Amino acid sequence: MLKVSNFKDHSPIGLQVEGSALVEKIVTGVSASLELFNHAREENANLILVHHGMFWDSDSRNIHGSVKERLSLLLKNNISLAGYHLPLDAHPIYGNNAQILKILNLIKRESFGMYEGKSIGFIGYTRVKEDINVFIKKLKRVIDKDIFTLKFGKNTINKVAVCSGGAPELVKEAIKKKADVFLTGEATEWVYHLCKEEKIHYIAAGHHATERFGIHTLGNHLQKKFKIKVKFIDLPNPIK
C-alpha cells in the first residue's frame, strides 16, 4: 500500500521489532519513544506504528541506555514496532504532505520535494488568492498555534510548496518552482537571508506537528479495513 520498495531510507522500513504474530490492537504515534511504548503497553496493544522508527543509519550498534529500555519493554510485553518514514511522507492519500494539502484545502496538486531520487512533497494552490495573514491564521488553527514565519513574499498568495518535517533545504526547489509560500516543519539559519532576497514566505510549523497527519490517517484506514482497534497517541514536542 505504501510502496515501500520504491524508497531508499535512513531507517528500516516496516517491522523493526518483532512481537506478537496476532494483532488485535494498534497504537500509532509520530516517533518511537519509551513514553509512547508505555502508553501502548497500558492500552494492551500488540503493534506500534510510527513515522520515526527506533533505528537510524547514524545510530550506534550497541544496545544500552535508552535503547535497551525501549527494547526491553517491547520484548517483555510481546509488542511489535513498525516504522514508515519516507513512504509515509510521500503517499498521495495517507501521507503527511497529502493530508496537509487536504486540511488546507489546496488544489491542483503537483509533485515537489526531491529527496534520494523521489518526490516526497507536493505543491498545491489556494482556490482563490489568499491574504498571507489569513493563511497563517488558518495554519495556526489546523496545525499548530506556535509556528515560525518569515513573511518576505507577496501579500496575497496562491502557490504553496509543502514538505513536512525537517526539510529546510527544499526551499531552494520552492523558489525555483516560483512558489509563494514554502511550508515545512523546521527552519535553519541560512534560510533567513535567502528567503528575504528571493521574496518568498517561509513557514516552519513544527517537525512533530506537521508529521502527525500521515500516521493518524494510516491508522484510521487500517481500523476500517481490518476491523481492529487503533488508537493514535499524540505526544507533543515543543522543539521546532
C-alpha atoms as a PDB file:
ATOM      1  CA  MET A   1       0.000   0.000   0.000  1.00  0.00           C
ATOM      2  CA  LEU A   2       2.805   2.442   0.881  1.00  0.00           C
ATOM      3  CA  LYS A   3       5.063   1.161  -1.944  1.00  0.00           C
ATOM      4  CA  VAL A   4       7.982   0.788   0.450  1.00  0.00           C
ATOM      5  CA  SER A   5      10.240  -0.853  -2.145  1.00  0.00           C
ATOM      6  CA  ASN A   6      10.347   2.449  -4.049  1.00  0.00           C
ATOM      7  CA  PHE A   7      12.259   4.202  -1.281  1.00  0.00           C
ATOM      8  CA  LYS A   8      15.827   4.273  -0.017  1.00  0.00           C
ATOM      9  CA  ASP A   9      15.532   5.399   3.595  1.00  0.00           C
ATOM     10  CA  HIS A  10      17.828   6.021   6.563  1.00  0.00           C
ATOM     11  CA  SER A  11      15.709   3.896   8.893  1.00  0.00           C
ATOM     12  CA  PRO A  12      14.439   0.338   8.356  1.00  0.00           C
ATOM     13  CA  ILE A  13      11.069   0.448   6.612  1.00  0.00           C
ATOM     14  CA  GLY A  14       8.392  -1.765   8.111  1.00  0.00           C
ATOM     15  CA  LEU A  15       8.850  -4.184  11.005  1.00  0.00           C
ATOM     16  CA  GLN A  16      11.721  -3.114  13.281  1.00  0.00           C
ATOM     17  CA  VAL A  17      10.983  -5.195  16.381  1.00  0.00           C
ATOM     18  CA  GLU A  18       9.011  -8.451  16.216  1.00  0.00           C
ATOM     19  CA  GLY A  19       6.442  -9.165  18.900  1.00  0.00           C
ATOM     20  CA  SER A  20       3.097 -10.931  18.772  1.00  0.00           C
ATOM     21  CA  ALA A  21       2.037 -12.542  15.491  1.00  0.00           C
ATOM     22  CA  LEU A  22      -1.569 -11.754  16.398  1.00  0.00           C
ATOM     23  CA  VAL A  23      -2.608  -8.108  16.128  1.00  0.00           C
ATOM     24  CA  GLU A  24      -5.800  -7.101  17.898  1.00  0.00           C
ATOM     25  CA  LYS A  25      -4.949  -3.514  18.799  1.00  0.00           C
ATOM     26  CA  ILE A  26      -2.573  -0.956  17.271  1.00  0.00           C
ATOM     27  CA  VAL A  27      -1.178   2.203  18.805  1.00  0.00           C
ATOM     28  CA  THR A  28       0.081   4.859  16.387  1.00  0.00           C
ATOM     29  CA  GLY A  29       2.339   7.833  17.073  1.00  0.00           C
ATOM     30  CA  VAL A  30       4.810  10.134  15.364  1.00  0.00           C
ATOM     31  CA  SER A  31       8.065   8.972  16.959  1.00  0.00           C
ATOM     32  CA  ALA A  32       9.351   5.905  18.778  1.00  0.00           C
ATOM     33  CA  SER A  33       9.894   6.679  22.459  1.00  0.00           C
ATOM     34  CA  LEU A  34       9.704   4.985  25.830  1.00  0.00           C
ATOM     35  CA  GLU A  35       6.729   7.201  26.669  1.00  0.00           C
ATOM     36  CA  LEU A  36       4.826   6.023  23.599  1.00  0.00           C
ATOM     37  CA  PHE A  37       5.746   2.389  24.302  1.00  0.00           C
ATOM     38  CA  ASN A  38       4.425   2.684  27.856  1.00  0.00           C
ATOM     39  CA  HIS A  39       1.150   4.053  26.521  1.00  0.00           C
ATOM     40  CA  ALA A  40       0.960   1.088  24.131  1.00  0.00           C
ATOM     41  CA  ARG A  41       1.511  -1.338  27.000  1.00  0.00           C
ATOM     42  CA  GLU A  42      -1.245   0.336  29.016  1.00  0.00           C
ATOM     43  CA  GLU A  43      -3.550   0.045  26.003  1.00  0.00           C
ATOM     44  CA  ASN A  44      -2.704  -3.669  25.617  1.00  0.00           C
ATOM     45  CA  ALA A  45      -1.581  -3.005  22.049  1.00  0.00           C
ATOM     46  CA  ASN A  46       0.144  -5.734  20.028  1.00  0.00           C
ATOM     47  CA  LEU A  47       1.657  -3.377  17.460  1.00  0.00           C
ATOM     48  CA  ILE A  48       3.033   0.165  17.467  1.00  0.00           C
ATOM     49  CA  LEU A  49       3.142   2.049  14.153  1.00  0.00           C
ATOM     50  CA  VAL A  50       5.317   5.167  13.965  1.00  0.00           C
ATOM     51  CA  HIS A  51       6.619   7.614  11.389  1.00  0.00           C
ATOM     52  CA  HIS A  52      10.031   7.920  13.049  1.00  0.00           C
ATOM     53  CA  GLY A  53      11.305   4.470  13.962  1.00  0.00           C
ATOM     54  CA  MET A  54      13.787   3.416  16.611  1.00  0.00           C
ATOM     55  CA  PHE A  55      16.841   2.668  14.464  1.00  0.00           C
ATOM     56  CA  TRP A  56      18.706   5.019  12.092  1.00  0.00           C
ATOM     57  CA  ASP A  57      21.793   4.616   9.925  1.00  0.00           C
ATOM     58  CA  SER A  58      23.818   7.017  12.070  1.00  0.00           C
ATOM     59  CA  ASP A  59      22.998   5.210  15.338  1.00  0.00           C
ATOM     60  CA  SER A  60      25.455   3.151  17.355  1.00  0.00           C
ATOM     61  CA  ARG A  61      25.024  -0.613  17.014  1.00  0.00           C
ATOM     62  CA  ASN A  62      25.450  -1.014  20.773  1.00  0.00           C
ATOM     63  CA  ILE A  63      22.334  -1.789  22.798  1.00  0.00           C
ATOM     64  CA  HIS A  64      22.474   0.206  26.026  1.00  0.00           C
ATOM     65  CA  GLY A  65      20.835   3.117  27.821  1.00  0.00           C
ATOM     66  CA  SER A  66      17.502   4.267  26.418  1.00  0.00           C
ATOM     67  CA  VAL A  67      17.691   1.819  23.501  1.00  0.00           C
ATOM     68  CA  LYS A  68      17.961  -1.073  25.958  1.00  0.00           C
ATOM     69  CA  GLU A  69      14.989   0.265  27.938  1.00  0.00           C
ATOM     70  CA  ARG A  70      12.845   0.616  24.840  1.00  0.00           C
ATOM     71  CA  LEU A  71      13.730  -2.820  23.504  1.00  0.00           C
ATOM     72  CA  SER A  72      13.210  -4.461  26.881  1.00  0.00           C
ATOM     73  CA  LEU A  73       9.716  -3.019  27.198  1.00  0.00           C
ATOM     74  CA  LEU A  74       8.721  -4.158  23.709  1.00  0.00           C
ATOM     75  CA  LEU A  75      10.144  -7.665  24.061  1.00  0.00           C
ATOM     76  CA  LYS A  76       8.854  -8.282  27.590  1.00  0.00           C
ATOM     77  CA  ASN A  77       5.353  -7.282  26.514  1.00  0.00           C
ATOM     78  CA  ASN A  78       5.461  -9.012  23.116  1.00  0.00           C
ATOM     79  CA  ILE A  79       4.764  -5.739  21.275  1.00  0.00           C
ATOM     80  CA  SER A  80       5.870  -5.260  17.669  1.00  0.00           C
ATOM     81  CA  LEU A  81       7.228  -1.975  16.321  1.00  0.00           C
ATOM     82  CA  ALA A  82       7.000  -0.866  12.695  1.00  0.00           C
ATOM     83  CA  GLY A  83       8.190   2.404  11.171  1.00  0.00           C
ATOM     84  CA  TYR A  84       7.320   4.108   7.883  1.00  0.00           C
ATOM     85  CA  HIS A  85       9.341   7.243   7.233  1.00  0.00           C
ATOM     86  CA  LEU A  86       9.709   8.427   3.625  1.00  0.00           C
ATOM     87  CA  PRO A  87       6.867   6.223   2.300  1.00  0.00           C
ATOM     88  CA  LEU A  88       4.512   7.972   4.712  1.00  0.00           C
ATOM     89  CA  ASP A  89       5.760  11.417   3.733  1.00  0.00           C
ATOM     90  CA  ALA A  90       5.192  10.754   0.061  1.00  0.00           C
ATOM     91  CA  HIS A  91       1.965   8.726  -0.098  1.00  0.00           C
ATOM     92  CA  PRO A  92      -0.646  10.541  -2.246  1.00  0.00           C
ATOM     93  CA  ILE A  93      -3.537   9.673   0.098  1.00  0.00           C
ATOM     94  CA  TYR A  94      -2.293   8.765   3.580  1.00  0.00           C
ATOM     95  CA  GLY A  95       0.950  10.746   3.530  1.00  0.00           C
ATOM     96  CA  ASN A  96       1.803  13.728   5.701  1.00  0.00           C
ATOM     97  CA  ASN A  97       2.034  16.128   2.787  1.00  0.00           C
ATOM     98  CA  ALA A  98      -1.106  14.929   1.032  1.00  0.00           C
ATOM     99  CA  GLN A  99      -3.019  15.321   4.284  1.00  0.00           C
ATOM    100  CA  ILE A 100      -1.646  18.837   4.856  1.00  0.00           C
ATOM    101  CA  LEU A 101      -2.863  19.855   1.400  1.00  0.00           C
ATOM    102  CA  LYS A 102      -6.241  18.358   2.237  1.00  0.00           C
ATOM    103  CA  ILE A 103      -6.723  20.157   5.552  1.00  0.00           C
ATOM    104  CA  LEU A 104      -5.576  23.447   3.996  1.00  0.00           C
ATOM    105  CA  ASN A 105      -7.982  22.935   1.083  1.00  0.00           C
ATOM    106  CA  LEU A 106      -5.196  23.249  -1.508  1.00  0.00           C
ATOM    107  CA  ILE A 107      -5.945  22.007  -5.019  1.00  0.00           C
ATOM    108  CA  LYS A 108      -4.226  21.149  -8.351  1.00  0.00           C
ATOM    109  CA  ARG A 109      -1.577  19.006  -6.678  1.00  0.00           C
ATOM    110  CA  GLU A 110       1.891  18.828  -8.260  1.00  0.00           C
ATOM    111  CA  SER A 111       4.977  16.805  -7.310  1.00  0.00           C
ATOM    112  CA  PHE A 112       7.568  18.581  -5.188  1.00  0.00           C
ATOM    113  CA  GLY A 113      10.448  17.839  -2.849  1.00  0.00           C
ATOM    114  CA  MET A 114      13.068  15.641  -4.476  1.00  0.00           C
ATOM    115  CA  TYR A 115      14.905  13.521  -1.908  1.00  0.00           C
ATOM    116  CA  GLU A 116      17.001  10.429  -2.600  1.00  0.00           C
ATOM    117  CA  GLY A 117      15.633  10.422  -6.145  1.00  0.00           C
ATOM    118  CA  LYS A 118      11.968  10.504  -5.108  1.00  0.00           C
ATOM    119  CA  SER A 119       9.434  13.287  -4.770  1.00  0.00           C
ATOM    120  CA  ILE A 120       8.099  13.287  -1.212  1.00  0.00           C
ATOM    121  CA  GLY A 121       6.209  16.594  -1.055  1.00  0.00           C
ATOM    122  CA  PHE A 122       3.557  18.423  -3.037  1.00  0.00           C
ATOM    123  CA  ILE A 123       2.688  21.826  -4.408  1.00  0.00           C
ATOM    124  CA  GLY A 124      -0.910  22.935  -4.053  1.00  0.00           C
ATOM    125  CA  TYR A 125      -2.907  26.041  -4.882  1.00  0.00           C
ATOM    126  CA  THR A 126      -5.416  28.051  -2.895  1.00  0.00           C
ATOM    127  CA  ARG A 127      -8.846  28.137  -4.562  1.00  0.00           C
ATOM    128  CA  VAL A 128      -8.630  31.927  -4.741  1.00  0.00           C
ATOM    129  CA  LYS A 129      -5.743  34.248  -3.994  1.00  0.00           C
ATOM    130  CA  GLU A 130      -5.438  34.447  -0.230  1.00  0.00           C
ATOM    131  CA  ASP A 131      -4.010  37.025   2.141  1.00  0.00           C
ATOM    132  CA  ILE A 132      -0.847  35.635   3.733  1.00  0.00           C
ATOM    133  CA  ASN A 133      -2.043  36.605   7.217  1.00  0.00           C
ATOM    134  CA  VAL A 134      -5.320  34.735   6.689  1.00  0.00           C
ATOM    135  CA  PHE A 135      -3.328  31.705   5.504  1.00  0.00           C
ATOM    136  CA  ILE A 136      -1.077  31.827   8.577  1.00  0.00           C
ATOM    137  CA  LYS A 137      -4.097  32.148  10.858  1.00  0.00           C
ATOM    138  CA  LYS A 138      -5.552  29.016   9.268  1.00  0.00           C
ATOM    139  CA  LEU A 139      -2.262  27.158   9.781  1.00  0.00           C
ATOM    140  CA  LYS A 140      -2.258  28.054  13.455  1.00  0.00           C
ATOM    141  CA  ARG A 141      -5.759  26.668  13.784  1.00  0.00           C
ATOM    142  CA  VAL A 142      -5.282  23.344  11.976  1.00  0.00           C
ATOM    143  CA  ILE A 143      -1.581  22.505  12.513  1.00  0.00           C
ATOM    144  CA  ASP A 144      -0.047  24.322  15.470  1.00  0.00           C
ATOM    145  CA  LYS A 145      -0.718  27.632  17.191  1.00  0.00           C
ATOM    146  CA  ASP A 146       3.020  28.222  17.644  1.00  0.00           C
ATOM    147  CA  ILE A 147       4.588  28.473  14.198  1.00  0.00           C
ATOM    148  CA  PHE A 148       7.653  30.308  12.900  1.00  0.00           C
ATOM    149  CA  THR A 149       7.176  32.591   9.901  1.00  0.00           C
ATOM    150  CA  LEU A 150       9.375  34.642   7.614  1.00  0.00           C
ATOM    151  CA  LYS A 151       6.980  36.909   5.732  1.00  0.00           C
ATOM    152  CA  PHE A 152       9.094  38.072   2.826  1.00  0.00           C
ATOM    153  CA  GLY A 153       6.738  37.343  -0.071  1.00  0.00           C
ATOM    154  CA  LYS A 154       3.657  38.918  -1.612  1.00  0.00           C
ATOM    155  CA  ASN A 155       0.684  39.981   0.495  1.00  0.00           C
ATOM    156  CA  THR A 156      -1.594  37.642  -1.466  1.00  0.00           C
ATOM    157  CA  ILE A 157      -0.561  34.054  -2.119  1.00  0.00           C
ATOM    158  CA  ASN A 158      -1.721  31.208  -4.337  1.00  0.00           C
ATOM    159  CA  LYS A 159       1.048  28.619  -4.846  1.00  0.00           C
ATOM    160  CA  VAL A 160       2.168  26.683  -1.757  1.00  0.00           C
ATOM    161  CA  ALA A 161       5.050  24.166  -1.638  1.00  0.00           C
ATOM    162  CA  VAL A 162       4.734  21.658   1.206  1.00  0.00           C
ATOM    163  CA  CYS A 163       7.186  19.185   2.713  1.00  0.00           C
ATOM    164  CA  SER A 164       6.615  18.095   6.298  1.00  0.00           C
ATOM    165  CA  GLY A 165       9.292  17.524   8.924  1.00  0.00           C
ATOM    166  CA  GLY A 166      12.866  18.728   8.588  1.00  0.00           C
ATOM    167  CA  ALA A 167      13.302  19.918   5.004  1.00  0.00           C
ATOM    168  CA  PRO A 168      14.670  23.491   5.001  1.00  0.00           C
ATOM    169  CA  GLU A 169      16.896  22.730   2.004  1.00  0.00           C
ATOM    170  CA  LEU A 170      13.808  22.239  -0.163  1.00  0.00           C
ATOM    171  CA  VAL A 171      13.090  25.964  -0.023  1.00  0.00           C
ATOM    172  CA  LYS A 172      15.534  26.196  -2.946  1.00  0.00           C
ATOM    173  CA  GLU A 173      13.278  23.965  -5.042  1.00  0.00           C
ATOM    174  CA  ALA A 174      10.258  26.004  -3.926  1.00  0.00           C
ATOM    175  CA  ILE A 175      11.987  29.164  -5.154  1.00  0.00           C
ATOM    176  CA  LYS A 176      12.900  27.516  -8.456  1.00  0.00           C
ATOM    177  CA  LYS A 177       9.263  26.494  -8.942  1.00  0.00           C
ATOM    178  CA  LYS A 178       8.106  30.032  -8.087  1.00  0.00           C
ATOM    179  CA  ALA A 179       6.042  29.110  -5.044  1.00  0.00           C
ATOM    180  CA  ASP A 180       4.632  31.964  -2.985  1.00  0.00           C
ATOM    181  CA  VAL A 181       4.979  30.015   0.267  1.00  0.00           C
ATOM    182  CA  PHE A 182       7.216  27.199   1.475  1.00  0.00           C
ATOM    183  CA  LEU A 183       5.705  25.221   4.346  1.00  0.00           C
ATOM    184  CA  THR A 184       7.800  22.710   6.282  1.00  0.00           C
ATOM    185  CA  GLY A 185       8.464  21.668   9.865  1.00  0.00           C
ATOM    186  CA  GLU A 186      11.812  23.286  10.669  1.00  0.00           C
ATOM    187  CA  ALA A 187      13.915  26.323   9.827  1.00  0.00           C
ATOM    188  CA  THR A 188      17.660  26.849   9.904  1.00  0.00           C
ATOM    189  CA  GLU A 189      19.975  29.883   9.964  1.00  0.00           C
ATOM    190  CA  TRP A 190      20.674  30.372   6.269  1.00  0.00           C
ATOM    191  CA  VAL A 191      17.046  30.428   5.103  1.00  0.00           C
ATOM    192  CA  TYR A 192      16.513  33.932   6.523  1.00  0.00           C
ATOM    193  CA  HIS A 193      18.539  35.926   4.009  1.00  0.00           C
ATOM    194  CA  LEU A 194      17.771  33.565   1.128  1.00  0.00           C
ATOM    195  CA  CYS A 195      14.016  33.993   1.592  1.00  0.00           C
ATOM    196  CA  LYS A 196      14.371  37.739   2.115  1.00  0.00           C
ATOM    197  CA  GLU A 197      16.324  38.111  -1.118  1.00  0.00           C
ATOM    198  CA  GLU A 198      14.095  35.753  -3.119  1.00  0.00           C
ATOM    199  CA  LYS A 199      10.889  37.259  -1.672  1.00  0.00           C
ATOM    200  CA  ILE A 200       9.246  34.027  -0.561  1.00  0.00           C
ATOM    201  CA  HIS A 201       7.287  33.297   2.618  1.00  0.00           C
ATOM    202  CA  TYR A 202       8.863  30.574   4.785  1.00  0.00           C
ATOM    203  CA  ILE A 203       6.726  28.829   7.392  1.00  0.00           C
ATOM    204  CA  ALA A 204       8.057  26.280   9.894  1.00  0.00           C
ATOM    205  CA  ALA A 205       5.066  24.738  11.645  1.00  0.00           C
ATOM    206  CA  GLY A 206       6.997  22.177  13.702  1.00  0.00           C
ATOM    207  CA  HIS A 207       8.594  18.857  12.755  1.00  0.00           C
ATOM    208  CA  HIS A 208       6.304  16.842  15.016  1.00  0.00           C
ATOM    209  CA  ALA A 209       3.240  18.987  14.319  1.00  0.00           C
ATOM    210  CA  THR A 210       3.473  18.597  10.532  1.00  0.00           C
ATOM    211  CA  GLU A 211       4.016  14.848  10.758  1.00  0.00           C
ATOM    212  CA  ARG A 212       1.050  13.829  12.906  1.00  0.00           C
ATOM    213  CA  PHE A 213      -1.311  13.600   9.961  1.00  0.00           C
ATOM    214  CA  GLY A 214       0.097  10.666   7.999  1.00  0.00           C
ATOM    215  CA  ILE A 215       0.376   8.115  10.790  1.00  0.00           C
ATOM    216  CA  HIS A 216      -3.005   9.169  12.206  1.00  0.00           C
ATOM    217  CA  THR A 217      -4.712   8.789   8.824  1.00  0.00           C
ATOM    218  CA  LEU A 218      -2.982   5.467   8.145  1.00  0.00           C
ATOM    219  CA  GLY A 219      -4.206   4.145  11.488  1.00  0.00           C
ATOM    220  CA  ASN A 220      -7.775   5.182  10.715  1.00  0.00           C
ATOM    221  CA  HIS A 221      -7.554   3.378   7.378  1.00  0.00           C
ATOM    222  CA  LEU A 222      -6.257   0.169   8.981  1.00  0.00           C
ATOM    223  CA  GLN A 223      -9.020   0.282  11.570  1.00  0.00           C
ATOM    224  CA  LYS A 224     -11.702   0.460   8.890  1.00  0.00           C
ATOM    225  CA  LYS A 225     -10.089  -2.093   6.586  1.00  0.00           C
ATOM    226  CA  PHE A 226      -9.206  -4.773   9.138  1.00  0.00           C
ATOM    227  CA  LYS A 227     -11.853  -4.054  11.803  1.00  0.00           C
ATOM    228  CA  ILE A 228      -9.261  -3.801  14.572  1.00  0.00           C
ATOM    229  CA  LYS A 229      -8.822  -1.272  17.352  1.00  0.00           C
ATOM    230  CA  VAL A 230      -6.413   1.575  16.614  1.00  0.00           C
ATOM    231  CA  LYS A 231      -5.526   4.467  18.916  1.00  0.00           C
ATOM    232  CA  PHE A 232      -3.453   7.486  17.907  1.00  0.00           C
ATOM    233  CA  ILE A 233      -1.403   8.877  20.782  1.00  0.00           C
ATOM    234  CA  ASP A 234      -0.113  12.399  20.287  1.00  0.00           C
ATOM    235  CA  LEU A 235       2.891  13.271  22.451  1.00  0.00           C
ATOM    236  CA  PRO A 236       3.511  16.945  21.631  1.00  0.00           C
ATOM    237  CA  ASN A 237       7.088  18.032  21.019  1.00  0.00           C
ATOM    238  CA  PRO A 238       7.872  21.742  21.615  1.00  0.00           C
ATOM    239  CA  ILE A 239      11.042  21.677  19.511  1.00  0.00           C
ATOM    240  CA  LYS A 240      10.525  23.459  16.205  1.00  0.00           C
END
